[in-house]
PDB file of N, CA and C in Angstrom:
ATOM      1  N   MET A   1      14.826   5.646 -18.210  1.00  0.00           N
ATOM      2  CA  MET A   1      15.583   6.000 -16.873  1.00  0.00           C
ATOM      3  C   MET A   1      14.544   6.247 -16.272  1.00  0.00           C
ATOM      4  N   PRO A   2      14.896   5.046 -15.211  1.00  0.00           N
ATOM      5  CA  PRO A   2      13.524   5.423 -13.595  1.00  0.00           C
ATOM      6  C   PRO A   2      13.590   6.518 -13.395  1.00  0.00           C
ATOM      7  N   ALA A   3      12.475   7.237 -12.808  1.00  0.00           N
ATOM      8  CA  ALA A   3      12.404   8.334 -11.668  1.00  0.00           C
ATOM      9  C   ALA A   3      13.591   7.913 -10.394  1.00  0.00           C
ATOM     10  N   LYS A   4      14.169   9.467 -10.290  1.00  0.00           N
ATOM     11  CA  LYS A   4      15.178   9.081  -9.146  1.00  0.00           C
ATOM     12  C   LYS A   4      14.482   8.771  -8.168  1.00  0.00           C
ATOM     13  N   TRP A   5      13.619   8.825  -7.452  1.00  0.00           N
ATOM     14  CA  TRP A   5      12.836   8.079  -6.003  1.00  0.00           C
ATOM     15  C   TRP A   5      12.484   6.970  -6.199  1.00  0.00           C
ATOM     16  N   THR A   6      12.072   6.236  -7.472  1.00  0.00           N
ATOM     17  CA  THR A   6      12.296   4.461  -7.543  1.00  0.00           C
ATOM     18  C   THR A   6      12.979   4.243  -6.946  1.00  0.00           C
ATOM     19  N   GLY A   7      14.355   4.165  -7.469  1.00  0.00           N
ATOM     20  CA  GLY A   7      15.706   3.928  -6.641  1.00  0.00           C
ATOM     21  C   GLY A   7      15.710   3.812  -5.790  1.00  0.00           C
ATOM     22  N   GLN A   8      15.237   5.419  -4.592  1.00  0.00           N
ATOM     23  CA  GLN A   8      15.165   5.547  -3.458  1.00  0.00           C
ATOM     24  C   GLN A   8      14.874   4.627  -2.416  1.00  0.00           C
ATOM     25  N   LEU A   9      13.327   4.545  -3.434  1.00  0.00           N
ATOM     26  CA  LEU A   9      11.971   3.565  -2.389  1.00  0.00           C
ATOM     27  C   LEU A   9      12.428   2.959  -2.732  1.00  0.00           C
ATOM     28  N   VAL A  10      13.370   0.970  -3.401  1.00  0.00           N
ATOM     29  CA  VAL A  10      14.250  -0.158  -3.588  1.00  0.00           C
ATOM     30  C   VAL A  10      14.685  -0.002  -2.487  1.00  0.00           C
ATOM     31  N   GLY A  11      15.508   0.895  -1.965  1.00  0.00           N
ATOM     32  CA  GLY A  11      16.367   1.073  -1.319  1.00  0.00           C
ATOM     33  C   GLY A  11      16.435   0.677  -0.021  1.00  0.00           C
ATOM     34  N   GLU A  12      15.336   2.264   0.190  1.00  0.00           N
ATOM     35  CA  GLU A  12      14.623   2.144   2.029  1.00  0.00           C
ATOM     36  C   GLU A  12      14.058   1.120   2.100  1.00  0.00           C
ATOM     37  N   ILE A  13      13.175   0.492   1.320  1.00  0.00           N
ATOM     38  CA  ILE A  13      12.223  -0.645   1.298  1.00  0.00           C
ATOM     39  C   ILE A  13      13.138  -1.700   1.322  1.00  0.00           C
ATOM     40  N   HIS A  14      14.575  -2.545   0.660  1.00  0.00           N
ATOM     41  CA  HIS A  14      15.323  -2.808   1.156  1.00  0.00           C
ATOM     42  C   HIS A  14      15.904  -2.821   2.750  1.00  0.00           C
ATOM     43  N   ASN A  15      16.199  -2.058   2.876  1.00  0.00           N
ATOM     44  CA  ASN A  15      17.348  -1.098   4.196  1.00  0.00           C
ATOM     45  C   ASN A  15      16.309  -1.931   5.352  1.00  0.00           C
ATOM     46  N   ALA A  16      14.939  -1.931   4.992  1.00  0.00           N
ATOM     47  CA  ALA A  16      14.051  -1.903   6.339  1.00  0.00           C
ATOM     48  C   ALA A  16      13.440  -3.651   6.226  1.00  0.00           C
ATOM     49  N   GLY A  17      14.389  -4.048   5.425  1.00  0.00           N
ATOM     50  CA  GLY A  17      14.193  -5.414   5.436  1.00  0.00           C
ATOM     51  C   GLY A  17      12.912  -6.265   5.201  1.00  0.00           C
ATOM     52  N   LEU A  18      11.958  -5.590   3.836  1.00  0.00           N
ATOM     53  CA  LEU A  18      10.390  -5.461   3.866  1.00  0.00           C
ATOM     54  C   LEU A  18      10.953  -5.860   1.748  1.00  0.00           C
ATOM     55  N   THR A  19       9.834  -6.619   1.833  1.00  0.00           N
ATOM     56  CA  THR A  19       9.675  -6.412   0.162  1.00  0.00           C
ATOM     57  C   THR A  19       8.828  -5.541  -0.898  1.00  0.00           C
ATOM     58  N   ILE A  20       9.207  -5.935  -2.299  1.00  0.00           N
ATOM     59  CA  ILE A  20       7.803  -4.775  -2.422  1.00  0.00           C
ATOM     60  C   ILE A  20       6.598  -5.508  -2.763  1.00  0.00           C
ATOM     61  N   LYS A  21       6.443  -6.534  -2.445  1.00  0.00           N
ATOM     62  CA  LYS A  21       4.827  -7.174  -2.016  1.00  0.00           C
ATOM     63  C   LYS A  21       4.446  -6.873  -1.102  1.00  0.00           C
ATOM     64  N   GLU A  22       5.096  -6.878  -0.148  1.00  0.00           N
ATOM     65  CA  GLU A  22       4.771  -6.454   1.719  1.00  0.00           C
ATOM     66  C   GLU A  22       4.114  -4.717   1.387  1.00  0.00           C
ATOM     67  N   VAL A  23       5.421  -3.773   0.886  1.00  0.00           N
ATOM     68  CA  VAL A  23       4.959  -2.775   0.445  1.00  0.00           C
ATOM     69  C   VAL A  23       3.754  -2.405   0.100  1.00  0.00           C
ATOM     70  N   ALA A  24       3.714  -2.987  -1.326  1.00  0.00           N
ATOM     71  CA  ALA A  24       2.510  -3.181  -2.371  1.00  0.00           C
ATOM     72  C   ALA A  24       1.032  -3.436  -1.474  1.00  0.00           C
ATOM     73  N   ALA A  25       1.296  -4.385  -0.883  1.00  0.00           N
ATOM     74  CA  ALA A  25       0.073  -4.883   0.291  1.00  0.00           C
ATOM     75  C   ALA A  25      -0.908  -4.480   0.941  1.00  0.00           C
ATOM     76  N   GLU A  26       0.160  -3.345   1.770  1.00  0.00           N
ATOM     77  CA  GLU A  26       0.224  -2.632   2.843  1.00  0.00           C
ATOM     78  C   GLU A  26      -0.478  -1.135   2.264  1.00  0.00           C
ATOM     79  N   ALA A  27       0.060  -0.641   0.982  1.00  0.00           N
ATOM     80  CA  ALA A  27      -0.485   0.150  -0.086  1.00  0.00           C
ATOM     81  C   ALA A  27      -2.023  -0.169  -0.721  1.00  0.00           C
ATOM     82  N   GLY A  28      -2.227  -1.042  -0.486  1.00  0.00           N
ATOM     83  CA  GLY A  28      -2.854  -1.832  -1.147  1.00  0.00           C
ATOM     84  C   GLY A  28      -3.345  -1.789  -3.121  1.00  0.00           C
ATOM     85  N   MET A  29      -2.295  -2.071  -2.959  1.00  0.00           N
ATOM     86  CA  MET A  29      -1.591  -1.987  -5.114  1.00  0.00           C
ATOM     87  C   MET A  29      -1.262  -2.972  -5.239  1.00  0.00           C
ATOM     88  N   ASN A  30      -1.345  -3.472  -6.050  1.00  0.00           N
ATOM     89  CA  ASN A  30      -0.808  -4.557  -7.326  1.00  0.00           C
ATOM     90  C   ASN A  30       0.490  -4.906  -7.210  1.00  0.00           C
ATOM     91  N   PRO A  31       1.208  -5.810  -7.229  1.00  0.00           N
ATOM     92  CA  PRO A  31       2.851  -6.019  -7.022  1.00  0.00           C
ATOM     93  C   PRO A  31       2.641  -5.771  -8.283  1.00  0.00           C
ATOM     94  N   LYS A  32       2.253  -6.441  -9.221  1.00  0.00           N
ATOM     95  CA  LYS A  32       2.588  -5.818 -10.665  1.00  0.00           C
ATOM     96  C   LYS A  32       2.736  -4.348 -11.477  1.00  0.00           C
ATOM     97  N   TYR A  33       1.672  -3.772 -10.765  1.00  0.00           N
ATOM     98  CA  TYR A  33       1.113  -2.171 -10.842  1.00  0.00           C
ATOM     99  C   TYR A  33       2.986  -2.037 -10.218  1.00  0.00           C
ATOM    100  N   ILE A  34       3.016  -1.989  -9.284  1.00  0.00           N
ATOM    101  CA  ILE A  34       4.124  -1.065  -8.776  1.00  0.00           C
ATOM    102  C   ILE A  34       5.155  -1.617  -9.215  1.00  0.00           C
ATOM    103  N   SER A  35       5.711  -3.262 -10.097  1.00  0.00           N
ATOM    104  CA  SER A  35       6.531  -3.153 -10.589  1.00  0.00           C
ATOM    105  C   SER A  35       7.001  -1.977 -11.845  1.00  0.00           C
ATOM    106  N   THR A  36       6.032  -2.153 -12.259  1.00  0.00           N
ATOM    107  CA  THR A  36       5.389  -1.029 -13.673  1.00  0.00           C
ATOM    108  C   THR A  36       6.157  -0.003 -13.132  1.00  0.00           C
ATOM    109  N   VAL A  37       5.665   0.728 -12.431  1.00  0.00           N
ATOM    110  CA  VAL A  37       5.637   1.404 -11.957  1.00  0.00           C
ATOM    111  C   VAL A  37       7.010   2.429 -11.421  1.00  0.00           C
ATOM    112  N   LEU A  38       8.334   1.140 -11.016  1.00  0.00           N
ATOM    113  CA  LEU A  38       9.367   1.113 -10.185  1.00  0.00           C
ATOM    114  C   LEU A  38      10.422   1.608 -11.312  1.00  0.00           C
ATOM    115  N   ASN A  39      10.182   0.575 -13.177  1.00  0.00           N
ATOM    116  CA  ASN A  39      10.545   0.745 -13.469  1.00  0.00           C
ATOM    117  C   ASN A  39      10.464   1.439 -15.089  1.00  0.00           C
ATOM    118  N   SER A  40       9.305   2.013 -14.926  1.00  0.00           N
ATOM    119  CA  SER A  40       8.834   2.278 -15.878  1.00  0.00           C
ATOM    120  C   SER A  40       9.666   4.809 -16.332  1.00  0.00           C
ATOM    121  N   ASP A  41       9.664   4.981 -17.269  1.00  0.00           N
ATOM    122  CA  ASP A  41      10.173   6.010 -16.940  1.00  0.00           C
ATOM    123  C   ASP A  41       9.157   7.617 -16.484  1.00  0.00           C
ATOM    124  N   GLY A  42       7.715   6.743 -16.768  1.00  0.00           N
ATOM    125  CA  GLY A  42       6.746   8.088 -16.448  1.00  0.00           C
ATOM    126  C   GLY A  42       6.997   8.438 -14.614  1.00  0.00           C
ATOM    127  N   ASP A  43       6.071   9.161 -14.771  1.00  0.00           N
ATOM    128  CA  ASP A  43       6.171  10.127 -13.356  1.00  0.00           C
ATOM    129  C   ASP A  43       4.634   9.445 -12.465  1.00  0.00           C
ATOM    130  N   ALA A  44       4.921   9.215 -11.472  1.00  0.00           N
ATOM    131  CA  ALA A  44       3.477   8.180 -10.868  1.00  0.00           C
ATOM    132  C   ALA A  44       3.657   9.298  -9.467  1.00  0.00           C
ATOM    133  N   PRO A  45       3.022  10.174  -9.469  1.00  0.00           N
ATOM    134  CA  PRO A  45       3.310  11.099  -7.622  1.00  0.00           C
ATOM    135  C   PRO A  45       1.790  10.697  -6.860  1.00  0.00           C
ATOM    136  N   LYS A  46       0.990   9.607  -7.702  1.00  0.00           N
ATOM    137  CA  LYS A  46      -0.087   9.442  -6.361  1.00  0.00           C
ATOM    138  C   LYS A  46       0.723   7.977  -6.047  1.00  0.00           C
ATOM    139  N   ALA A  47       1.623   7.102  -7.147  1.00  0.00           N
ATOM    140  CA  ALA A  47       1.620   5.912  -6.685  1.00  0.00           C
ATOM    141  C   ALA A  47       3.105   6.124  -5.627  1.00  0.00           C
ATOM    142  N   GLU A  48       3.908   6.608  -5.607  1.00  0.00           N
ATOM    143  CA  GLU A  48       4.603   7.603  -4.836  1.00  0.00           C
ATOM    144  C   GLU A  48       4.308   7.780  -3.454  1.00  0.00           C
ATOM    145  N   ALA A  49       3.176   8.431  -3.233  1.00  0.00           N
ATOM    146  CA  ALA A  49       2.533   8.805  -2.395  1.00  0.00           C
ATOM    147  C   ALA A  49       2.359   7.200  -0.959  1.00  0.00           C
ATOM    148  N   LYS A  50       1.907   7.025  -2.369  1.00  0.00           N
ATOM    149  CA  LYS A  50       1.218   5.649  -1.495  1.00  0.00           C
ATOM    150  C   LYS A  50       1.638   4.452  -0.248  1.00  0.00           C
ATOM    151  N   LEU A  51       3.074   4.123  -1.814  1.00  0.00           N
ATOM    152  CA  LEU A  51       4.217   3.669  -1.599  1.00  0.00           C
ATOM    153  C   LEU A  51       4.984   4.284   0.058  1.00  0.00           C
ATOM    154  N   ARG A  52       5.370   5.628  -0.311  1.00  0.00           N
ATOM    155  CA  ARG A  52       6.408   5.968   0.903  1.00  0.00           C
ATOM    156  C   ARG A  52       4.985   5.802   2.421  1.00  0.00           C
ATOM    157  N   ALA A  53       3.348   5.890   2.070  1.00  0.00           N
ATOM    158  CA  ALA A  53       3.267   6.210   2.982  1.00  0.00           C
ATOM    159  C   ALA A  53       2.838   4.590   3.843  1.00  0.00           C
ATOM    160  N   ALA A  54       3.043   4.055   2.469  1.00  0.00           N
ATOM    161  CA  ALA A  54       2.792   2.641   3.423  1.00  0.00           C
ATOM    162  C   ALA A  54       4.203   2.130   3.949  1.00  0.00           C
ATOM    163  N   LEU A  55       4.806   2.583   3.506  1.00  0.00           N
ATOM    164  CA  LEU A  55       6.347   1.921   4.054  1.00  0.00           C
ATOM    165  C   LEU A  55       6.804   2.879   5.299  1.00  0.00           C
ATOM    166  N   ALA A  56       6.463   3.543   5.520  1.00  0.00           N
ATOM    167  CA  ALA A  56       6.171   5.009   6.651  1.00  0.00           C
ATOM    168  C   ALA A  56       5.888   3.776   7.665  1.00  0.00           C
ATOM    169  N   ARG A  57       3.972   3.469   7.655  1.00  0.00           N
ATOM    170  CA  ARG A  57       3.635   2.604   8.153  1.00  0.00           C
ATOM    171  C   ARG A  57       3.922   1.011   8.672  1.00  0.00           C
ATOM    172  N   LEU A  58       5.571   0.347   8.005  1.00  0.00           N
ATOM    173  CA  LEU A  58       5.704  -0.557   8.065  1.00  0.00           C
ATOM    174  C   LEU A  58       6.642  -0.807   9.104  1.00  0.00           C
ATOM    175  N   THR A  59       7.151   0.511   8.509  1.00  0.00           N
ATOM    176  CA  THR A  59       8.644   0.869   9.253  1.00  0.00           C
ATOM    177  C   THR A  59       8.244   2.181  10.782  1.00  0.00           C
ATOM    178  N   GLY A  60       7.259   2.686  11.140  1.00  0.00           N
ATOM    179  CA  GLY A  60       7.127   3.703  11.982  1.00  0.00           C
ATOM    180  C   GLY A  60       7.712   4.886  11.773  1.00  0.00           C
ATOM    181  N   LYS A  61       7.928   5.239  10.538  1.00  0.00           N
ATOM    182  CA  LYS A  61       8.914   6.385  10.263  1.00  0.00           C
ATOM    183  C   LYS A  61       7.551   7.462   9.724  1.00  0.00           C
ATOM    184  N   ALA A  62       7.761   8.558   9.826  1.00  0.00           N
ATOM    185  CA  ALA A  62       6.541   9.263   9.304  1.00  0.00           C
ATOM    186  C   ALA A  62       6.902   9.465   7.314  1.00  0.00           C
ATOM    187  N   ALA A  63       5.793   9.368   6.792  1.00  0.00           N
ATOM    188  CA  ALA A  63       6.441   9.480   5.169  1.00  0.00           C
ATOM    189  C   ALA A  63       6.936  11.002   4.341  1.00  0.00           C
ATOM    190  N   GLN A  64       8.044  10.870   3.577  1.00  0.00           N
ATOM    191  CA  GLN A  64       8.025  11.784   3.404  1.00  0.00           C
ATOM    192  C   GLN A  64       8.363  11.909   1.599  1.00  0.00           C
ATOM    193  N   VAL A  65       7.434  12.456   0.511  1.00  0.00           N
ATOM    194  CA  VAL A  65       7.624  12.693  -0.573  1.00  0.00           C
ATOM    195  C   VAL A  65       8.434  13.638  -1.278  1.00  0.00           C
ATOM    196  N   GLY A  66       8.711  12.740  -1.917  1.00  0.00           N
ATOM    197  CA  GLY A  66       9.848  13.742  -2.343  1.00  0.00           C
ATOM    198  C   GLY A  66      11.450  13.636  -1.822  1.00  0.00           C
ATOM    199  N   ASP A  67      12.664  14.069  -2.542  1.00  0.00           N
ATOM    200  CA  ASP A  67      14.288  14.120  -2.277  1.00  0.00           C
ATOM    201  C   ASP A  67      13.791  15.624  -1.317  1.00  0.00           C
ATOM    202  N   GLU A  68      14.551  15.663  -0.386  1.00  0.00           N
ATOM    203  CA  GLU A  68      15.430  17.008   0.233  1.00  0.00           C
ATOM    204  C   GLU A  68      16.380  17.387   0.098  1.00  0.00           C
ATOM    205  N   ASN A  69      17.226  16.387  -0.605  1.00  0.00           N
ATOM    206  CA  ASN A  69      18.846  16.617  -0.544  1.00  0.00           C
ATOM    207  C   ASN A  69      18.955  17.107  -2.095  1.00  0.00           C
ATOM    208  N   GLU A  70      17.447  17.219  -2.921  1.00  0.00           N
ATOM    209  CA  GLU A  70      17.728  18.010  -4.368  1.00  0.00           C
ATOM    210  C   GLU A  70      17.902  19.328  -4.247  1.00  0.00           C
TER     211      GLU A  70
END
């Protein structure tokens, strides 16, 4: 089962009206790699940080790594 953060991130991307490809491009990452990360069981803290930072830049919000509600 993919990590909880992946579902949260996909939801945030969707709510922002963006695509995975747009966020991947902003992060300087290959969309196919992002798809693998988002659908894998492994942990990818560097990818998470890069994607959250890219989403923050695209939406103008501060990046937050990890779930603060846990």
